[in-house]
Amino acid sequence: MPRYVYRCTECEELSTINHSSDEVETKCPKCATDRGLVKLLTNFTTRKNGTKLNKVGQVTEQFIEDSRQELEQQKEQLNKNK
């Protein structure tokens, strides 16, 4: 399951939360503010069946694609909140 880092807009606490890629957390685990969490972009690495890391180019391409998708999701969420 992917791990995401969120920052609370109220208490400024950083939280690492595991959830599927189609979910978005909104409630801060520290101060319980609803709609206070903002997902941050983070680096990651991948392993294929417990073997060596994929080639740098593959990891970079995957990171760029995942970041693109995440930014699109954030844009959609911001447009919904307006």
Protein backbone atom coordinates (compact mmCIF):
# COMPACT_ATOMS: atom_id res chain seq x y z
CA MET A 1 0.00 0.00 0.00
CA PRO A 2 1.42 3.44 -0.92
CA ARG A 3 2.61 5.79 1.79
CA TYR A 4 1.72 9.50 1.56
CA VAL A 5 2.90 12.50 3.56
CA TYR A 6 0.36 15.14 4.54
CA ARG A 7 0.73 18.54 6.24
CA CYS A 8 -2.06 19.96 8.37
CA THR A 9 -2.97 23.57 7.57
CA GLU A 10 -4.03 24.18 11.18
CA CYS A 11 -1.34 22.59 13.39
CA GLU A 12 1.41 22.30 10.70
CA GLU A 13 2.00 18.66 11.74
CA LEU A 14 3.45 16.28 9.13
CA SER A 15 1.74 12.89 9.00
CA THR A 16 2.66 9.77 7.05
CA ILE A 17 -0.45 7.83 6.10
CA ASN A 18 -0.80 4.56 4.17
CA HIS A 19 -3.79 4.28 1.84
CA SER A 20 -4.64 3.34 -1.74
CA SER A 21 -3.86 5.79 -4.52
CA ASP A 22 -7.53 6.64 -5.15
CA GLU A 23 -8.14 7.74 -1.54
CA VAL A 24 -7.45 11.17 -0.06
CA GLU A 25 -7.17 11.84 3.67
CA THR A 26 -8.76 15.04 4.98
CA LYS A 27 -8.86 14.71 8.78
CA CYS A 28 -5.68 15.51 10.73
CA PRO A 29 -4.71 12.62 13.04
CA LYS A 30 -3.17 15.05 15.56
CA CYS A 31 -5.64 17.95 15.91
CA ALA A 32 -8.67 16.27 14.22
CA THR A 33 -9.29 19.27 11.94
CA ASP A 34 -11.57 18.25 9.09
CA ARG A 35 -10.31 19.19 5.60
CA GLY A 36 -7.03 20.40 7.09
CA LEU A 37 -4.63 18.00 5.35
CA VAL A 38 -2.67 18.81 2.21
CA LYS A 39 -0.89 15.96 0.40
CA LEU A 40 2.81 16.67 -0.21
CA LEU A 41 4.87 15.40 -3.11
CA THR A 42 7.44 12.84 -1.96
CA ASN A 43 10.20 10.74 -3.49
CA PHE A 44 9.95 6.99 -3.65
CA THR A 45 11.83 3.93 -4.85
CA THR A 46 10.52 0.73 -6.33
CA ARG A 47 11.70 -2.86 -6.09
CA LYS A 48 10.76 -5.64 -8.42
CA ASN A 49 10.13 -8.90 -6.55
CA GLY A 50 12.77 -8.13 -3.93
CA THR A 51 15.54 -7.69 -6.48
CA LYS A 52 17.75 -4.71 -7.27
CA LEU A 53 16.22 -1.29 -7.85
CA ASN A 54 14.95 -0.64 -11.36
CA LYS A 55 17.18 1.35 -13.66
CA VAL A 56 17.33 5.06 -12.81
CA GLY A 57 15.56 6.04 -16.03
CA GLN A 58 12.65 3.72 -15.28
CA VAL A 59 12.31 5.00 -11.72
CA THR A 60 12.47 8.61 -12.94
CA GLU A 61 9.85 8.04 -15.64
CA GLN A 62 7.55 6.35 -13.14
CA PHE A 63 8.02 9.17 -10.62
CA ILE A 64 7.20 11.80 -13.27
CA GLU A 65 4.07 9.93 -14.37
CA ASP A 66 2.89 9.38 -10.78
CA SER A 67 3.53 13.06 -9.98
CA ARG A 68 1.54 14.11 -13.06
CA GLN A 69 -1.39 11.97 -11.98
CA GLU A 70 -1.22 13.25 -8.43
CA LEU A 71 -1.16 16.88 -9.61
CA GLU A 72 -4.20 16.24 -11.81
CA GLN A 73 -6.04 14.77 -8.82
CA GLN A 74 -5.11 17.78 -6.70
CA LYS A 75 -6.32 20.18 -9.44
CA GLU A 76 -9.64 18.33 -9.62
CA GLN A 77 -9.99 18.43 -5.83
CA LEU A 78 -9.25 22.17 -5.75
CA ASN A 79 -11.80 22.82 -8.49
CA LYS A 80 -14.43 20.83 -6.56
CA ASN A 81 -13.77 22.88 -3.40
CA LYS A 82 -14.35 26.22 -5.19
